[in-house]
N, C-alpha and C. Protein backbone atom coordinates (compact mmCIF):
# COMPACT_ATOMS: atom_id res chain seq x y z
N MET A 1 112.50 88.95 72.98
CA MET A 1 112.92 90.27 72.58
C MET A 1 113.11 90.29 71.08
N ALA A 2 112.57 91.28 70.39
CA ALA A 2 112.67 91.38 68.94
C ALA A 2 114.05 91.88 68.55
N GLU A 3 114.57 91.29 67.49
CA GLU A 3 115.90 91.71 67.01
C GLU A 3 115.76 92.98 66.19
N GLN A 4 116.62 93.95 66.46
CA GLN A 4 116.57 95.20 65.72
C GLN A 4 117.61 95.16 64.61
N THR A 5 117.21 95.65 63.45
CA THR A 5 118.14 95.76 62.34
C THR A 5 118.25 97.23 61.96
N THR A 6 119.40 97.56 61.46
CA THR A 6 119.60 98.94 61.02
C THR A 6 119.77 98.94 59.51
N THR A 7 119.23 99.93 58.89
CA THR A 7 119.39 100.07 57.44
C THR A 7 120.68 100.81 57.16
N GLY A 8 121.08 100.80 55.88
CA GLY A 8 122.31 101.50 55.48
C GLY A 8 122.27 102.97 55.86
N ALA A 9 121.09 103.59 55.74
CA ALA A 9 120.97 105.02 56.07
C ALA A 9 121.20 105.26 57.55
N ASP A 10 120.80 104.29 58.39
CA ASP A 10 120.97 104.45 59.83
C ASP A 10 122.43 104.32 60.25
N ARG A 11 123.23 103.61 59.47
CA ARG A 11 124.63 103.39 59.83
C ARG A 11 125.57 104.47 59.28
N ARG A 12 125.09 105.29 58.39
CA ARG A 12 125.96 106.30 57.77
C ARG A 12 126.35 107.36 58.78
N THR A 13 127.61 107.79 58.69
CA THR A 13 128.06 108.88 59.54
C THR A 13 127.95 110.22 58.82
N ASP A 14 127.90 110.19 57.49
CA ASP A 14 127.77 111.42 56.71
C ASP A 14 126.43 111.43 55.98
N VAL A 15 125.85 112.61 55.90
CA VAL A 15 124.58 112.77 55.20
C VAL A 15 124.86 112.84 53.70
N ARG A 16 124.11 112.08 52.92
CA ARG A 16 124.25 112.13 51.46
C ARG A 16 123.37 113.24 50.91
N THR A 17 123.90 113.94 49.92
CA THR A 17 123.18 115.03 49.29
C THR A 17 122.70 114.60 47.92
N PRO A 18 121.43 114.70 47.62
CA PRO A 18 120.91 114.33 46.30
C PRO A 18 121.49 115.24 45.21
N ILE A 19 121.65 114.67 44.02
CA ILE A 19 122.17 115.41 42.87
C ILE A 19 120.99 115.78 41.98
N ALA A 20 120.85 117.06 41.70
CA ALA A 20 119.82 117.51 40.76
C ALA A 20 120.44 117.44 39.37
N GLY A 21 119.84 116.67 38.50
CA GLY A 21 120.41 116.50 37.16
C GLY A 21 121.34 115.31 37.15
N ALA A 22 122.43 115.44 36.43
CA ALA A 22 123.36 114.31 36.28
C ALA A 22 124.77 114.71 36.70
N LEU A 23 125.42 113.81 37.38
CA LEU A 23 126.83 113.98 37.74
C LEU A 23 127.56 112.80 37.14
N ARG A 24 128.45 113.06 36.21
CA ARG A 24 129.15 111.98 35.51
C ARG A 24 130.32 111.47 36.32
N GLY A 25 130.63 110.22 36.12
CA GLY A 25 131.77 109.60 36.75
C GLY A 25 132.22 108.43 35.90
N GLU A 26 133.28 107.80 36.30
CA GLU A 26 133.78 106.64 35.59
C GLU A 26 134.21 105.60 36.60
N VAL A 27 134.20 104.36 36.19
CA VAL A 27 134.66 103.28 37.04
C VAL A 27 135.81 102.59 36.31
N MET A 28 136.86 102.27 37.05
CA MET A 28 137.99 101.57 36.45
C MET A 28 137.79 100.08 36.71
N VAL A 29 137.82 99.33 35.64
CA VAL A 29 137.66 97.88 35.73
C VAL A 29 138.87 97.26 35.03
N TYR A 30 139.57 96.38 35.72
CA TYR A 30 140.73 95.74 35.12
C TYR A 30 140.27 94.63 34.20
N GLN A 31 140.70 94.69 32.97
CA GLN A 31 140.38 93.71 31.95
C GLN A 31 141.68 93.20 31.35
N PRO A 32 141.70 91.94 30.92
CA PRO A 32 142.94 91.43 30.31
C PRO A 32 143.24 92.10 28.98
N MET A 33 144.51 92.21 28.68
CA MET A 33 144.96 92.72 27.40
C MET A 33 146.20 91.95 27.00
N ALA A 34 146.43 91.86 25.72
CA ALA A 34 147.65 91.23 25.20
C ALA A 34 148.58 92.35 24.76
N ILE A 35 149.81 92.30 25.21
CA ILE A 35 150.80 93.30 24.80
C ILE A 35 151.47 92.76 23.55
N LYS A 36 151.29 93.47 22.43
CA LYS A 36 151.80 92.99 21.15
C LYS A 36 153.23 93.43 20.90
N ASP A 37 153.58 94.63 21.30
CA ASP A 37 154.96 95.10 21.27
C ASP A 37 155.13 96.20 22.29
N ILE A 38 156.39 96.45 22.66
CA ILE A 38 156.68 97.41 23.73
C ILE A 38 157.94 98.18 23.38
N SER A 39 157.97 99.43 23.77
CA SER A 39 159.17 100.26 23.64
C SER A 39 159.38 100.98 24.97
N HIS A 40 160.42 101.77 25.04
CA HIS A 40 160.68 102.53 26.27
C HIS A 40 159.57 103.55 26.54
N GLY A 41 158.87 103.99 25.47
CA GLY A 41 157.88 105.04 25.64
C GLY A 41 156.43 104.61 25.54
N GLY A 42 156.18 103.33 25.20
CA GLY A 42 154.80 102.91 25.06
C GLY A 42 154.67 101.47 24.62
N ALA A 43 153.44 101.10 24.26
CA ALA A 43 153.18 99.73 23.86
C ALA A 43 151.97 99.70 22.93
N GLN A 44 151.90 98.62 22.17
CA GLN A 44 150.71 98.33 21.39
C GLN A 44 150.00 97.17 22.11
N VAL A 45 148.72 97.37 22.40
CA VAL A 45 147.98 96.37 23.16
C VAL A 45 146.76 95.93 22.37
N GLU A 46 146.30 94.72 22.67
CA GLU A 46 145.10 94.19 22.03
C GLU A 46 144.08 93.88 23.12
N THR A 47 142.85 94.34 22.91
CA THR A 47 141.78 94.17 23.89
C THR A 47 140.50 93.72 23.19
N ALA A 48 139.55 93.26 23.97
CA ALA A 48 138.25 92.86 23.45
C ALA A 48 137.28 94.04 23.39
N PHE A 49 137.75 95.22 23.70
CA PHE A 49 136.91 96.41 23.74
C PHE A 49 137.74 97.59 23.25
N PRO A 50 137.10 98.60 22.67
CA PRO A 50 137.85 99.76 22.19
C PRO A 50 138.28 100.65 23.36
N LEU A 51 139.45 101.27 23.22
CA LEU A 51 139.92 102.26 24.18
C LEU A 51 139.72 103.64 23.57
N LEU A 52 139.22 104.55 24.35
CA LEU A 52 138.94 105.90 23.87
C LEU A 52 140.23 106.68 23.66
N ILE A 53 140.39 107.25 22.48
CA ILE A 53 141.59 108.03 22.17
C ILE A 53 141.72 109.19 23.16
N ASP A 54 142.95 109.40 23.63
CA ASP A 54 143.33 110.42 24.62
C ASP A 54 142.90 110.08 26.04
N SER A 55 142.28 108.91 26.25
CA SER A 55 141.93 108.52 27.61
C SER A 55 143.18 108.02 28.33
N LEU A 56 143.19 108.15 29.65
CA LEU A 56 144.31 107.71 30.48
C LEU A 56 143.91 106.43 31.21
N HIS A 57 144.85 105.48 31.27
CA HIS A 57 144.58 104.21 31.92
C HIS A 57 145.79 103.79 32.75
N ASP A 58 145.54 103.09 33.83
CA ASP A 58 146.60 102.43 34.58
C ASP A 58 146.77 101.05 33.97
N LEU A 59 147.97 100.75 33.48
CA LEU A 59 148.25 99.48 32.84
C LEU A 59 149.14 98.65 33.74
N ARG A 60 148.75 97.41 33.95
CA ARG A 60 149.58 96.48 34.71
C ARG A 60 150.34 95.64 33.70
N LEU A 61 151.66 95.75 33.73
CA LEU A 61 152.52 95.03 32.79
C LEU A 61 153.32 93.98 33.55
N GLU A 62 153.26 92.76 33.09
CA GLU A 62 154.07 91.69 33.66
C GLU A 62 155.34 91.59 32.83
N LEU A 63 156.42 92.06 33.41
CA LEU A 63 157.71 92.15 32.70
C LEU A 63 158.64 91.06 33.23
N GLY A 64 158.43 89.84 32.76
CA GLY A 64 159.25 88.74 33.25
C GLY A 64 158.92 88.47 34.70
N ASP A 65 159.92 88.61 35.57
CA ASP A 65 159.75 88.35 37.00
C ASP A 65 159.11 89.52 37.74
N ALA A 66 159.00 90.67 37.10
CA ALA A 66 158.47 91.87 37.76
C ALA A 66 157.15 92.29 37.13
N ALA A 67 156.30 92.89 37.92
CA ALA A 67 155.06 93.48 37.42
C ALA A 67 155.05 94.94 37.85
N VAL A 68 154.64 95.80 36.92
CA VAL A 68 154.59 97.24 37.21
C VAL A 68 153.24 97.78 36.78
N ILE A 69 152.89 98.90 37.35
CA ILE A 69 151.71 99.64 36.91
C ILE A 69 152.20 100.98 36.39
N VAL A 70 151.82 101.27 35.16
CA VAL A 70 152.24 102.51 34.53
C VAL A 70 151.01 103.17 33.91
N LYS A 71 150.97 104.48 34.00
CA LYS A 71 149.86 105.22 33.40
C LYS A 71 150.16 105.40 31.92
N GLY A 72 149.12 105.23 31.09
CA GLY A 72 149.30 105.37 29.65
C GLY A 72 148.16 106.15 29.03
N ARG A 73 148.49 106.87 27.96
CA ARG A 73 147.50 107.64 27.20
C ARG A 73 147.28 106.95 25.86
N VAL A 74 146.03 106.72 25.50
CA VAL A 74 145.70 106.05 24.24
C VAL A 74 145.92 107.03 23.09
N VAL A 75 146.79 106.62 22.16
CA VAL A 75 147.12 107.45 21.00
C VAL A 75 146.25 107.08 19.80
N TYR A 76 145.99 105.80 19.62
CA TYR A 76 145.10 105.36 18.55
C TYR A 76 144.42 104.07 18.97
N CYS A 77 143.31 103.78 18.30
CA CYS A 77 142.60 102.53 18.53
C CYS A 77 141.91 102.16 17.22
N ARG A 78 142.06 100.89 16.81
CA ARG A 78 141.42 100.43 15.57
C ARG A 78 141.02 98.97 15.73
N ILE A 79 140.12 98.53 14.88
CA ILE A 79 139.72 97.13 14.87
C ILE A 79 140.86 96.33 14.26
N ALA A 80 141.26 95.26 14.96
CA ALA A 80 142.36 94.42 14.50
C ALA A 80 141.87 93.13 13.88
N ASN A 81 140.77 92.59 14.41
CA ASN A 81 140.29 91.31 13.94
C ASN A 81 138.80 91.16 14.26
N VAL A 82 138.06 90.60 13.31
CA VAL A 82 136.64 90.34 13.52
C VAL A 82 136.40 88.89 13.15
N ASP A 83 135.79 88.15 14.05
CA ASP A 83 135.35 86.80 13.72
C ASP A 83 133.92 86.65 14.25
N PRO A 84 133.27 85.53 14.00
CA PRO A 84 131.86 85.41 14.40
C PRO A 84 131.62 85.60 15.91
N GLN A 85 132.60 85.29 16.76
CA GLN A 85 132.41 85.39 18.21
C GLN A 85 132.88 86.72 18.80
N THR A 86 133.94 87.29 18.27
CA THR A 86 134.54 88.46 18.93
C THR A 86 135.08 89.48 17.95
N VAL A 87 135.28 90.65 18.49
CA VAL A 87 136.01 91.73 17.80
C VAL A 87 137.21 92.04 18.67
N ARG A 88 138.39 92.17 18.08
CA ARG A 88 139.61 92.52 18.82
C ARG A 88 140.06 93.90 18.36
N TYR A 89 140.54 94.70 19.31
CA TYR A 89 140.99 96.07 19.03
C TYR A 89 142.47 96.19 19.34
N ARG A 90 143.18 96.92 18.49
CA ARG A 90 144.59 97.25 18.75
C ARG A 90 144.67 98.73 19.08
N SER A 91 145.41 99.02 20.14
CA SER A 91 145.57 100.41 20.59
C SER A 91 147.03 100.70 20.85
N GLY A 92 147.45 101.89 20.49
CA GLY A 92 148.77 102.38 20.84
C GLY A 92 148.66 103.20 22.10
N VAL A 93 149.49 102.87 23.08
CA VAL A 93 149.45 103.55 24.37
C VAL A 93 150.81 104.17 24.65
N GLU A 94 150.81 105.45 24.93
CA GLU A 94 152.04 106.17 25.29
C GLU A 94 152.14 106.20 26.81
N PHE A 95 153.27 105.74 27.35
CA PHE A 95 153.46 105.80 28.79
C PHE A 95 153.62 107.26 29.20
N THR A 96 152.91 107.67 30.24
CA THR A 96 152.99 109.05 30.69
C THR A 96 153.60 109.10 32.09
N GLN A 97 154.66 109.80 32.21
CA GLN A 97 155.35 110.05 33.47
C GLN A 97 155.66 108.78 34.27
N PRO A 98 156.29 107.78 33.61
CA PRO A 98 156.68 106.60 34.41
C PRO A 98 157.80 106.98 35.38
N SER A 99 157.79 106.37 36.54
CA SER A 99 158.86 106.63 37.51
C SER A 99 160.18 106.08 36.98
N ASN A 100 161.27 106.52 37.58
CA ASN A 100 162.58 106.02 37.17
C ASN A 100 162.69 104.51 37.36
N GLY A 101 162.10 104.00 38.42
CA GLY A 101 162.12 102.56 38.67
C GLY A 101 161.37 101.79 37.60
N VAL A 102 160.22 102.30 37.19
CA VAL A 102 159.44 101.64 36.13
C VAL A 102 160.19 101.72 34.81
N ARG A 103 160.79 102.88 34.53
CA ARG A 103 161.60 103.01 33.29
C ARG A 103 162.72 101.98 33.27
N ALA A 104 163.38 101.80 34.40
CA ALA A 104 164.50 100.86 34.47
C ALA A 104 164.01 99.43 34.25
N LEU A 105 162.87 99.06 34.82
CA LEU A 105 162.33 97.71 34.63
C LEU A 105 161.92 97.47 33.18
N ILE A 106 161.31 98.47 32.55
CA ILE A 106 160.93 98.34 31.14
C ILE A 106 162.18 98.19 30.29
N ALA A 107 163.19 99.02 30.55
CA ALA A 107 164.44 98.94 29.78
C ALA A 107 165.11 97.59 29.94
N LYS A 108 165.15 97.07 31.15
CA LYS A 108 165.75 95.75 31.38
C LYS A 108 164.97 94.67 30.66
N PHE A 109 163.64 94.75 30.70
CA PHE A 109 162.81 93.77 30.02
C PHE A 109 163.07 93.80 28.51
N ILE A 110 163.13 95.00 27.93
CA ILE A 110 163.39 95.13 26.49
C ILE A 110 164.77 94.59 26.15
N ASP A 111 165.77 94.92 26.96
CA ASP A 111 167.12 94.39 26.73
C ASP A 111 167.13 92.87 26.77
N ASP A 112 166.45 92.29 27.76
CA ASP A 112 166.38 90.83 27.88
C ASP A 112 165.69 90.21 26.67
N LEU A 113 164.63 90.85 26.18
CA LEU A 113 163.93 90.36 24.98
C LEU A 113 164.85 90.38 23.77
N GLN A 114 165.59 91.47 23.61
CA GLN A 114 166.46 91.60 22.45
C GLN A 114 167.60 90.58 22.51
N ILE A 115 168.09 90.30 23.69
CA ILE A 115 169.16 89.28 23.84
C ILE A 115 168.60 87.92 23.49
N SER A 116 167.43 87.58 23.98
CA SER A 116 166.86 86.26 23.70
C SER A 116 166.53 86.09 22.22
N VAL A 117 166.13 87.16 21.54
CA VAL A 117 165.85 87.09 20.10
C VAL A 117 167.14 86.91 19.31
N SER A 118 168.21 87.60 19.72
CA SER A 118 169.48 87.49 19.01
C SER A 118 170.14 86.13 19.22
N ASP A 119 169.79 85.43 20.30
CA ASP A 119 170.34 84.10 20.56
C ASP A 119 169.67 83.03 19.71
N MET A 120 168.56 83.36 19.09
CA MET A 120 167.83 82.34 18.30
C MET A 120 168.48 82.10 16.96
């Protein structure tokens, strides 16, 4: 008995409709970033790629023992460093509508940082 295979089109439950022309979209890809400084309202980050001004991003911040995801709007982006292998970009990101829980974790992290700096 011959084995039957089904193609992707045969397994679909919904009919796909072709697009005449172009339909734009975006894909979110998580890339590493270095957080250079942080405040209650935003952060300065360094990346290997430029961030588009006024674009919105979900940022994953590791705040000591806690990690949070906060939405941020890019306020500025500039070249920070150029060497033969790489270009590094610095961007200012304003946190937009963080939840009360995220605000509290950021505030605690900042307080802990300031205490550890004052102990030095």
